[in-house]
Amino acid sequence: MKKIIYSIEIDDIQEESLIHLERKLSDDELEIVRKKLEWGINTSLPIIYDSIFDDIKYK
């Protein structure tokens, strides 16, 4: 069984939406969130990995 280190649930997004927009998101808006998160994670992941492994290597 694979273990998950970090996940973002729809409830997490809806809580942030309530803070920022004072309302919950529609299904169409949640699809926008999914696409933007996917793009952001794919774009940033190499930088995040470099930081993680540098911290481990030089601690």
C-alpha atoms as a PDB file:
ATOM      1  CA  MET A   1       0.000   0.000   0.000  1.00  0.00           C
ATOM      2  CA  LYS A   2       1.367   3.417  -0.971  1.00  0.00           C
ATOM      3  CA  LYS A   3       1.425   6.095   1.701  1.00  0.00           C
ATOM      4  CA  ILE A   4       0.449   9.695   1.023  1.00  0.00           C
ATOM      5  CA  ILE A   5       2.725  12.364   2.476  1.00  0.00           C
ATOM      6  CA  TYR A   6       0.458  15.313   1.709  1.00  0.00           C
ATOM      7  CA  SER A   7      -2.952  15.770   0.184  1.00  0.00           C
ATOM      8  CA  ILE A   8      -5.360  18.603  -0.480  1.00  0.00           C
ATOM      9  CA  GLU A   9      -9.003  17.715  -0.096  1.00  0.00           C
ATOM     10  CA  ILE A  10     -11.985  19.552  -1.518  1.00  0.00           C
ATOM     11  CA  ASP A  11     -12.934  20.511   2.048  1.00  0.00           C
ATOM     12  CA  ASP A  12      -9.535  22.245   2.377  1.00  0.00           C
ATOM     13  CA  ILE A  13     -10.173  24.228  -0.809  1.00  0.00           C
ATOM     14  CA  GLN A  14     -13.709  25.109   0.271  1.00  0.00           C
ATOM     15  CA  GLU A  15     -12.413  26.396   3.632  1.00  0.00           C
ATOM     16  CA  GLU A  16      -9.916  28.636   1.814  1.00  0.00           C
ATOM     17  CA  SER A  17     -12.675  29.782  -0.527  1.00  0.00           C
ATOM     18  CA  LEU A  18     -14.803  30.825   2.435  1.00  0.00           C
ATOM     19  CA  ILE A  19     -11.881  32.888   3.753  1.00  0.00           C
ATOM     20  CA  HIS A  20     -11.028  34.514   0.413  1.00  0.00           C
ATOM     21  CA  LEU A  21     -14.398  34.696  -1.347  1.00  0.00           C
ATOM     22  CA  GLU A  22     -16.838  34.248   1.544  1.00  0.00           C
ATOM     23  CA  ARG A  23     -18.564  31.427  -0.321  1.00  0.00           C
ATOM     24  CA  LYS A  24     -18.041  27.852  -1.436  1.00  0.00           C
ATOM     25  CA  LEU A  25     -16.919  27.014  -4.954  1.00  0.00           C
ATOM     26  CA  SER A  26     -19.046  25.427  -7.655  1.00  0.00           C
ATOM     27  CA  ASP A  27     -17.999  22.231  -9.436  1.00  0.00           C
ATOM     28  CA  ASP A  28     -16.779  24.293 -12.409  1.00  0.00           C
ATOM     29  CA  GLU A  29     -14.686  26.456 -10.090  1.00  0.00           C
ATOM     30  CA  LEU A  30     -13.279  23.372  -8.369  1.00  0.00           C
ATOM     31  CA  GLU A  31     -12.145  22.137 -11.791  1.00  0.00           C
ATOM     32  CA  ILE A  32     -10.241  25.420 -12.242  1.00  0.00           C
ATOM     33  CA  VAL A  33      -8.639  24.839  -8.824  1.00  0.00           C
ATOM     34  CA  ARG A  34      -7.651  21.294  -9.828  1.00  0.00           C
ATOM     35  CA  LYS A  35      -6.015  22.488 -13.043  1.00  0.00           C
ATOM     36  CA  LYS A  36      -4.168  25.340 -11.327  1.00  0.00           C
ATOM     37  CA  LEU A  37      -2.940  23.091  -8.506  1.00  0.00           C
ATOM     38  CA  GLU A  38      -1.781  20.490 -11.008  1.00  0.00           C
ATOM     39  CA  TRP A  39       0.123  23.138 -12.972  1.00  0.00           C
ATOM     40  CA  GLY A  40       1.615  24.713  -9.860  1.00  0.00           C
ATOM     41  CA  ILE A  41       2.722  21.429  -8.345  1.00  0.00           C
ATOM     42  CA  ASN A  42       4.213  20.155 -11.619  1.00  0.00           C
ATOM     43  CA  THR A  43       6.040  23.446 -12.130  1.00  0.00           C
ATOM     44  CA  SER A  44       7.340  23.760  -8.569  1.00  0.00           C
ATOM     45  CA  LEU A  45       8.056  20.146  -7.680  1.00  0.00           C
ATOM     46  CA  PRO A  46      11.684  20.083  -8.914  1.00  0.00           C
ATOM     47  CA  ILE A  47      12.429  23.188  -6.823  1.00  0.00           C
ATOM     48  CA  ILE A  48      10.711  21.673  -3.801  1.00  0.00           C
ATOM     49  CA  TYR A  49      12.647  18.398  -4.190  1.00  0.00           C
ATOM     50  CA  ASP A  50      15.952  20.299  -4.487  1.00  0.00           C
ATOM     51  CA  SER A  51      15.185  22.175  -1.273  1.00  0.00           C
ATOM     52  CA  ILE A  52      14.147  19.024   0.584  1.00  0.00           C
ATOM     53  CA  PHE A  53      17.202  17.009  -0.394  1.00  0.00           C
ATOM     54  CA  ASP A  54      19.590  19.925   0.157  1.00  0.00           C
ATOM     55  CA  ASP A  55      18.213  20.288   3.684  1.00  0.00           C
ATOM     56  CA  ILE A  56      18.692  16.572   4.304  1.00  0.00           C
ATOM     57  CA  LYS A  57      22.161  16.504   2.753  1.00  0.00           C
ATOM     58  CA  TYR A  58      23.470  19.534   4.650  1.00  0.00           C
ATOM     59  CA  LYS A  59      21.720  19.211   8.003  1.00  0.00           C
END
